[in-house]
């Protein structure tokens, strides 16, 4: 099977040449584009999530041979969560080759974090099915690169850290409130305020609610601990 010049260029950015190009085509096909003659990437996504997890778990054990599970777990979560997968997808311009239905195209699907993350996992699975685990490991380690060694010693996200700080002082969990939403429907910007029952608040703006919440939590945590 021959693939388009677009997908051939993507394979070069990925750093892998497929023996079965149909696997790559399936990996970049969103469910909105499914037809009787084309499968989507959901099953590959399921497999890719597990392959990525195994590669990262092994890589973290090798990167720090003395770290206890209590430190390895948050580092692992930071490397495999949706944001990390989407960042890698943007790095290799995966969004530009996604096969999307008209509705997803109109709503900015090529830039959606969830779609990019899912497709990245599907591509990992496609490499695994095409070339085996060693090939998939090589691709993942190359793409995640310095992220593996630079992941914070304690990579718990800011929301978790802020909640633990509040609970340690007998407070209820922080409250997150959407105070503004601007921009077009396909590319909104959210402003989130995080509030502690004791009074302190902080706001942050980002292209997703999750990012805005994390940024607000980080700012508030810095305020109350400085």
C-alpha atoms as a PDB file:
ATOM      1  CA  UNK A   1       0.000   0.000   0.000  1.00  0.00           C
ATOM      2  CA  UNK A   2       1.286   3.441  -0.942  1.00  0.00           C
ATOM      3  CA  UNK A   3       0.674   6.394   1.337  1.00  0.00           C
ATOM      4  CA  UNK A   4       0.430  10.073   0.532  1.00  0.00           C
ATOM      5  CA  UNK A   5       3.428  12.378   0.359  1.00  0.00           C
ATOM      6  CA  UNK A   6       2.025  14.040   3.476  1.00  0.00           C
ATOM      7  CA  UNK A   7       2.189  10.816   5.472  1.00  0.00           C
ATOM      8  CA  UNK A   8       5.591   9.959   4.022  1.00  0.00           C
ATOM      9  CA  UNK A   9       6.894  13.294   5.294  1.00  0.00           C
ATOM     10  CA  UNK A  10       5.332  12.609   8.660  1.00  0.00           C
ATOM     11  CA  UNK A  11       7.085   9.225   8.832  1.00  0.00           C
ATOM     12  CA  UNK A  12      10.388  11.045   8.415  1.00  0.00           C
ATOM     13  CA  UNK A  13       9.516  13.435  11.244  1.00  0.00           C
ATOM     14  CA  UNK A  14       8.550  10.451  13.353  1.00  0.00           C
ATOM     15  CA  UNK A  15      11.806   8.712  12.525  1.00  0.00           C
ATOM     16  CA  UNK A  16      10.264   5.447  11.423  1.00  0.00           C
ATOM     17  CA  UNK A  17       9.538   3.834   8.056  1.00  0.00           C
ATOM     18  CA  UNK A  18       6.511   1.545   8.076  1.00  0.00           C
ATOM     19  CA  UNK A  19       6.581  -1.842   6.414  1.00  0.00           C
ATOM     20  CA  UNK A  20       2.783  -1.805   6.642  1.00  0.00           C
ATOM     21  CA  UNK A  21       1.759   1.785   5.887  1.00  0.00           C
ATOM     22  CA  UNK A  22      -1.887   0.927   6.460  1.00  0.00           C
ATOM     23  CA  UNK A  23      -1.106   0.873  10.182  1.00  0.00           C
ATOM     24  CA  UNK A  24      -0.011   4.502  10.054  1.00  0.00           C
ATOM     25  CA  UNK A  25      -3.092   5.454   8.070  1.00  0.00           C
ATOM     26  CA  UNK A  26      -5.303   3.848  10.687  1.00  0.00           C
ATOM     27  CA  UNK A  27      -3.384   5.542  13.506  1.00  0.00           C
ATOM     28  CA  UNK A  28      -4.130   9.013  12.142  1.00  0.00           C
ATOM     29  CA  UNK A  29      -7.796   8.325  11.354  1.00  0.00           C
ATOM     30  CA  UNK A  30     -10.219   9.797  13.874  1.00  0.00           C
ATOM     31  CA  UNK A  31     -13.592   8.175  14.545  1.00  0.00           C
ATOM     32  CA  UNK A  32     -15.320  11.132  12.846  1.00  0.00           C
ATOM     33  CA  UNK A  33     -13.790   9.936   9.568  1.00  0.00           C
ATOM     34  CA  UNK A  34     -14.822   6.280   9.797  1.00  0.00           C
ATOM     35  CA  UNK A  35     -16.449   4.620   6.794  1.00  0.00           C
ATOM     36  CA  UNK A  36     -17.227   1.000   5.884  1.00  0.00           C
ATOM     37  CA  UNK A  37     -13.810   0.872   4.229  1.00  0.00           C
ATOM     38  CA  UNK A  38     -11.759   2.679   6.888  1.00  0.00           C
ATOM     39  CA  UNK A  39     -11.065   1.852  10.543  1.00  0.00           C
ATOM     40  CA  UNK A  40     -10.431   4.528  13.172  1.00  0.00           C
ATOM     41  CA  UNK A  41      -7.563   4.711  15.641  1.00  0.00           C
ATOM     42  CA  UNK A  42      -9.377   3.891  18.887  1.00  0.00           C
ATOM     43  CA  UNK A  43      -8.164   0.312  19.244  1.00  0.00           C
ATOM     44  CA  UNK A  44      -4.611   1.396  18.418  1.00  0.00           C
ATOM     45  CA  UNK A  45      -4.905   4.158  21.005  1.00  0.00           C
ATOM     46  CA  UNK A  46      -5.820   1.547  23.640  1.00  0.00           C
ATOM     47  CA  UNK A  47      -2.740  -0.496  22.796  1.00  0.00           C
ATOM     48  CA  UNK A  48      -0.424   2.500  22.455  1.00  0.00           C
ATOM     49  CA  UNK A  49      -1.281   3.716  25.929  1.00  0.00           C
ATOM     50  CA  UNK A  50      -0.005   0.417  27.347  1.00  0.00           C
ATOM     51  CA  UNK A  51       3.129   0.362  25.191  1.00  0.00           C
ATOM     52  CA  UNK A  52       3.965   3.940  26.192  1.00  0.00           C
ATOM     53  CA  UNK A  53       3.418   3.075  29.835  1.00  0.00           C
ATOM     54  CA  UNK A  54       5.797   0.121  29.743  1.00  0.00           C
ATOM     55  CA  UNK A  55       8.501   2.097  27.926  1.00  0.00           C
ATOM     56  CA  UNK A  56       8.258   4.952  30.417  1.00  0.00           C
ATOM     57  CA  UNK A  57       8.241   2.714  33.472  1.00  0.00           C
ATOM     58  CA  UNK A  58      11.384   0.966  32.242  1.00  0.00           C
ATOM     59  CA  UNK A  59      13.071   4.250  31.273  1.00  0.00           C
ATOM     60  CA  UNK A  60      12.426   5.812  34.684  1.00  0.00           C
ATOM     61  CA  UNK A  61      13.826   2.787  36.494  1.00  0.00           C
ATOM     62  CA  UNK A  62      16.998   3.012  34.417  1.00  0.00           C
ATOM     63  CA  UNK A  63      17.276   6.790  34.721  1.00  0.00           C
ATOM     64  CA  UNK A  64      17.219   6.738  38.536  1.00  0.00           C
ATOM     65  CA  UNK A  65      18.125   3.395  40.045  1.00  0.00           C
ATOM     66  CA  UNK A  66      17.671   4.558  43.626  1.00  0.00           C
ATOM     67  CA  UNK A  67      14.317   6.375  43.392  1.00  0.00           C
ATOM     68  CA  UNK A  68      11.514   4.843  45.483  1.00  0.00           C
ATOM     69  CA  UNK A  69       8.103   4.081  44.027  1.00  0.00           C
ATOM     70  CA  UNK A  70       6.732   7.193  45.722  1.00  0.00           C
ATOM     71  CA  UNK A  71       8.858   9.381  43.446  1.00  0.00           C
ATOM     72  CA  UNK A  72       8.698   7.189  40.350  1.00  0.00           C
ATOM     73  CA  UNK A  73       4.891   7.181  40.219  1.00  0.00           C
ATOM     74  CA  UNK A  74       4.406  10.967  39.887  1.00  0.00           C
ATOM     75  CA  UNK A  75       7.246  11.171  37.372  1.00  0.00           C
ATOM     76  CA  UNK A  76       5.597   8.423  35.359  1.00  0.00           C
ATOM     77  CA  UNK A  77       2.238  10.196  35.458  1.00  0.00           C
ATOM     78  CA  UNK A  78       3.829  13.437  34.277  1.00  0.00           C
ATOM     79  CA  UNK A  79       5.363  11.703  31.254  1.00  0.00           C
ATOM     80  CA  UNK A  80       2.356   9.676  30.073  1.00  0.00           C
ATOM     81  CA  UNK A  81      -0.531  12.045  30.778  1.00  0.00           C
ATOM     82  CA  UNK A  82      -2.523  13.684  28.013  1.00  0.00           C
ATOM     83  CA  UNK A  83      -0.591  16.956  28.050  1.00  0.00           C
ATOM     84  CA  UNK A  84       2.748  15.240  27.526  1.00  0.00           C
ATOM     85  CA  UNK A  85       1.439  13.112  24.647  1.00  0.00           C
ATOM     86  CA  UNK A  86      -0.132  16.157  23.000  1.00  0.00           C
ATOM     87  CA  UNK A  87       3.101  18.148  23.356  1.00  0.00           C
ATOM     88  CA  UNK A  88       5.042  15.394  21.585  1.00  0.00           C
ATOM     89  CA  UNK A  89       2.352  15.239  18.891  1.00  0.00           C
ATOM     90  CA  UNK A  90       2.768  18.982  18.280  1.00  0.00           C
ATOM     91  CA  UNK A  91       6.535  18.544  18.155  1.00  0.00           C
ATOM     92  CA  UNK A  92       6.212  16.236  15.121  1.00  0.00           C
ATOM     93  CA  UNK A  93       3.216  18.102  13.644  1.00  0.00           C
ATOM     94  CA  UNK A  94       0.920  15.107  13.985  1.00  0.00           C
ATOM     95  CA  UNK A  95      -2.145  17.341  13.809  1.00  0.00           C
ATOM     96  CA  UNK A  96      -1.403  18.233  10.202  1.00  0.00           C
ATOM     97  CA  UNK A  97      -1.915  14.636   9.024  1.00  0.00           C
ATOM     98  CA  UNK A  98      -4.968  13.659  11.084  1.00  0.00           C
ATOM     99  CA  UNK A  99      -7.888  12.312   9.082  1.00  0.00           C
ATOM    100  CA  UNK A 100     -10.916  14.113  10.487  1.00  0.00           C
ATOM    101  CA  UNK A 101     -14.584  14.382   9.631  1.00  0.00           C
ATOM    102  CA  UNK A 102     -16.012  17.721   8.578  1.00  0.00           C
ATOM    103  CA  UNK A 103     -17.418  18.568  12.011  1.00  0.00           C
ATOM    104  CA  UNK A 104     -14.087  17.961  13.729  1.00  0.00           C
ATOM    105  CA  UNK A 105     -12.291  19.951  11.062  1.00  0.00           C
ATOM    106  CA  UNK A 106     -14.590  22.919  11.637  1.00  0.00           C
ATOM    107  CA  UNK A 107     -14.190  22.760  15.410  1.00  0.00           C
ATOM    108  CA  UNK A 108     -10.394  22.888  15.239  1.00  0.00           C
ATOM    109  CA  UNK A 109      -9.779  19.195  15.763  1.00  0.00           C
ATOM    110  CA  UNK A 110      -6.177  19.355  14.564  1.00  0.00           C
ATOM    111  CA  UNK A 111      -5.336  21.478  17.602  1.00  0.00           C
ATOM    112  CA  UNK A 112      -7.427  19.671  20.227  1.00  0.00           C
ATOM    113  CA  UNK A 113      -5.310  18.258  23.004  1.00  0.00           C
ATOM    114  CA  UNK A 114      -7.395  15.104  23.435  1.00  0.00           C
ATOM    115  CA  UNK A 115      -7.295  14.240  19.722  1.00  0.00           C
ATOM    116  CA  UNK A 116      -3.556  14.850  19.505  1.00  0.00           C
ATOM    117  CA  UNK A 117      -2.829  12.764  22.602  1.00  0.00           C
ATOM    118  CA  UNK A 118      -5.001   9.881  21.424  1.00  0.00           C
ATOM    119  CA  UNK A 119      -3.447   9.930  17.967  1.00  0.00           C
ATOM    120  CA  UNK A 120       0.063   9.976  19.453  1.00  0.00           C
ATOM    121  CA  UNK A 121      -0.718   6.821  21.406  1.00  0.00           C
ATOM    122  CA  UNK A 122      -2.193   5.252  18.269  1.00  0.00           C
ATOM    123  CA  UNK A 123       0.976   6.021  16.307  1.00  0.00           C
ATOM    124  CA  UNK A 124       3.069   4.368  19.027  1.00  0.00           C
ATOM    125  CA  UNK A 125       0.879   1.273  18.747  1.00  0.00           C
ATOM    126  CA  UNK A 126       1.212   1.311  14.959  1.00  0.00           C
ATOM    127  CA  UNK A 127       5.008   1.285  15.285  1.00  0.00           C
ATOM    128  CA  UNK A 128       4.753  -1.532  17.838  1.00  0.00           C
ATOM    129  CA  UNK A 129       2.577  -3.658  15.559  1.00  0.00           C
ATOM    130  CA  UNK A 130       4.759  -2.922  12.548  1.00  0.00           C
ATOM    131  CA  UNK A 131       8.214  -3.322  14.055  1.00  0.00           C
ATOM    132  CA  UNK A 132       7.855  -4.811  17.516  1.00  0.00           C
ATOM    133  CA  UNK A 133       8.544  -3.509  21.006  1.00  0.00           C
ATOM    134  CA  UNK A 134      12.169  -2.518  20.380  1.00  0.00           C
ATOM    135  CA  UNK A 135      11.109  -0.260  17.518  1.00  0.00           C
ATOM    136  CA  UNK A 136       8.364   1.314  19.618  1.00  0.00           C
ATOM    137  CA  UNK A 137      10.749   1.832  22.538  1.00  0.00           C
ATOM    138  CA  UNK A 138      13.274   3.559  20.285  1.00  0.00           C
ATOM    139  CA  UNK A 139      10.652   5.918  18.884  1.00  0.00           C
ATOM    140  CA  UNK A 140       9.236   6.800  22.303  1.00  0.00           C
ATOM    141  CA  UNK A 141      12.645   7.424  23.852  1.00  0.00           C
ATOM    142  CA  UNK A 142      13.678   9.602  20.909  1.00  0.00           C
ATOM    143  CA  UNK A 143      10.474  11.644  20.959  1.00  0.00           C
ATOM    144  CA  UNK A 144      10.240  12.114  24.728  1.00  0.00           C
ATOM    145  CA  UNK A 145      14.005  12.636  24.893  1.00  0.00           C
ATOM    146  CA  UNK A 146      15.154  15.026  27.603  1.00  0.00           C
ATOM    147  CA  UNK A 147      11.694  15.037  29.193  1.00  0.00           C
ATOM    148  CA  UNK A 148      12.543  11.711  30.811  1.00  0.00           C
ATOM    149  CA  UNK A 149      15.678  13.019  32.516  1.00  0.00           C
ATOM    150  CA  UNK A 150      14.343  16.496  33.250  1.00  0.00           C
ATOM    151  CA  UNK A 151      11.064  15.437  34.835  1.00  0.00           C
ATOM    152  CA  UNK A 152      10.894  17.038  38.268  1.00  0.00           C
ATOM    153  CA  UNK A 153      12.093  14.999  41.228  1.00  0.00           C
ATOM    154  CA  UNK A 154       8.567  15.307  42.588  1.00  0.00           C
ATOM    155  CA  UNK A 155       6.342  15.605  39.534  1.00  0.00           C
ATOM    156  CA  UNK A 156       2.988  15.765  41.287  1.00  0.00           C
ATOM    157  CA  UNK A 157       0.829  18.269  39.449  1.00  0.00           C
ATOM    158  CA  UNK A 158       0.116  21.639  41.058  1.00  0.00           C
ATOM    159  CA  UNK A 159      -3.554  20.848  41.776  1.00  0.00           C
ATOM    160  CA  UNK A 160      -2.591  17.754  43.758  1.00  0.00           C
ATOM    161  CA  UNK A 161       0.107  19.622  45.668  1.00  0.00           C
ATOM    162  CA  UNK A 162      -2.232  22.495  46.508  1.00  0.00           C
ATOM    163  CA  UNK A 163      -4.951  20.129  47.700  1.00  0.00           C
ATOM    164  CA  UNK A 164      -2.488  18.281  49.922  1.00  0.00           C
ATOM    165  CA  UNK A 165      -1.259  21.609  51.324  1.00  0.00           C
ATOM    166  CA  UNK A 166      -4.825  22.634  52.167  1.00  0.00           C
ATOM    167  CA  UNK A 167      -5.772  19.280  53.701  1.00  0.00           C
ATOM    168  CA  UNK A 168      -2.646  19.279  55.879  1.00  0.00           C
ATOM    169  CA  UNK A 169      -3.969  22.496  57.421  1.00  0.00           C
ATOM    170  CA  UNK A 170      -7.488  21.220  57.945  1.00  0.00           C
ATOM    171  CA  UNK A 171      -8.983  23.107  54.999  1.00  0.00           C
ATOM    172  CA  UNK A 172     -11.474  21.812  52.473  1.00  0.00           C
ATOM    173  CA  UNK A 173     -10.137  21.147  48.954  1.00  0.00           C
ATOM    174  CA  UNK A 174      -9.534  24.235  46.769  1.00  0.00           C
ATOM    175  CA  UNK A 175     -12.405  25.408  44.578  1.00  0.00           C
ATOM    176  CA  UNK A 176     -11.923  26.105  40.857  1.00  0.00           C
ATOM    177  CA  UNK A 177     -14.240  28.568  39.125  1.00  0.00           C
ATOM    178  CA  UNK A 178     -14.390  29.500  35.452  1.00  0.00           C
ATOM    179  CA  UNK A 179     -14.527  33.297  35.488  1.00  0.00           C
ATOM    180  CA  UNK A 180     -14.170  33.949  31.750  1.00  0.00           C
ATOM    181  CA  UNK A 181     -14.202  32.239  28.388  1.00  0.00           C
ATOM    182  CA  UNK A 182     -13.146  34.131  25.273  1.00  0.00           C
ATOM    183  CA  UNK A 183     -12.287  33.421  21.648  1.00  0.00           C
ATOM    184  CA  UNK A 184     -14.041  31.351  18.979  1.00  0.00           C
ATOM    185  CA  UNK A 185     -15.681  28.019  19.794  1.00  0.00           C
ATOM    186  CA  UNK A 186     -12.971  26.056  18.014  1.00  0.00           C
ATOM    187  CA  UNK A 187     -10.145  27.772  19.945  1.00  0.00           C
ATOM    188  CA  UNK A 188     -11.449  29.107  23.277  1.00  0.00           C
ATOM    189  CA  UNK A 189      -9.374  30.642  26.047  1.00  0.00           C
ATOM    190  CA  UNK A 190     -10.322  29.999  29.661  1.00  0.00           C
ATOM    191  CA  UNK A 191      -9.667  32.049  32.778  1.00  0.00           C
ATOM    192  CA  UNK A 192      -9.906  30.010  35.960  1.00  0.00           C
ATOM    193  CA  UNK A 193      -9.810  31.237  39.556  1.00  0.00           C
ATOM    194  CA  UNK A 194      -8.741  28.903  42.347  1.00  0.00           C
ATOM    195  CA  UNK A 195      -9.981  29.725  45.813  1.00  0.00           C
ATOM    196  CA  UNK A 196      -8.992  28.515  49.270  1.00  0.00           C
ATOM    197  CA  UNK A 197     -11.590  28.539  52.026  1.00  0.00           C
ATOM    198  CA  UNK A 198      -9.187  30.633  54.109  1.00  0.00           C
ATOM    199  CA  UNK A 199      -9.324  33.430  51.562  1.00  0.00           C
ATOM    200  CA  UNK A 200      -6.333  33.409  49.164  1.00  0.00           C
ATOM    201  CA  UNK A 201      -7.122  33.232  45.423  1.00  0.00           C
ATOM    202  CA  UNK A 202      -5.249  33.277  42.122  1.00  0.00           C
ATOM    203  CA  UNK A 203      -6.280  33.336  38.462  1.00  0.00           C
ATOM    204  CA  UNK A 204      -4.699  31.970  35.289  1.00  0.00           C
ATOM    205  CA  UNK A 205      -5.600  31.904  31.608  1.00  0.00           C
ATOM    206  CA  UNK A 206      -4.879  29.118  29.123  1.00  0.00           C
ATOM    207  CA  UNK A 207      -6.227  27.387  26.028  1.00  0.00           C
ATOM    208  CA  UNK A 208      -7.764  24.570  28.096  1.00  0.00           C
ATOM    209  CA  UNK A 209      -9.499  24.443  31.445  1.00  0.00           C
ATOM    210  CA  UNK A 210      -7.014  21.892  32.745  1.00  0.00           C
ATOM    211  CA  UNK A 211      -4.009  24.030  31.867  1.00  0.00           C
ATOM    212  CA  UNK A 212      -5.637  27.101  33.385  1.00  0.00           C
ATOM    213  CA  UNK A 213      -6.470  25.204  36.571  1.00  0.00           C
ATOM    214  CA  UNK A 214      -2.930  23.888  36.852  1.00  0.00           C
ATOM    215  CA  UNK A 215      -1.433  27.333  36.287  1.00  0.00           C
ATOM    216  CA  UNK A 216      -3.754  28.928  38.830  1.00  0.00           C
ATOM    217  CA  UNK A 217      -2.972  26.219  41.384  1.00  0.00           C
ATOM    218  CA  UNK A 218       0.757  26.672  40.824  1.00  0.00           C
ATOM    219  CA  UNK A 219       0.487  30.428  41.314  1.00  0.00           C
ATOM    220  CA  UNK A 220      -1.582  30.062  44.480  1.00  0.00           C
ATOM    221  CA  UNK A 221       0.706  27.389  45.902  1.00  0.00           C
ATOM    222  CA  UNK A 222       3.661  29.716  45.359  1.00  0.00           C
ATOM    223  CA  UNK A 223       1.770  32.557  47.078  1.00  0.00           C
ATOM    224  CA  UNK A 224       0.827  30.611  50.193  1.00  0.00           C
ATOM    225  CA  UNK A 225       4.198  28.887  50.632  1.00  0.00           C
ATOM    226  CA  UNK A 226       6.514  31.835  49.981  1.00  0.00           C
END
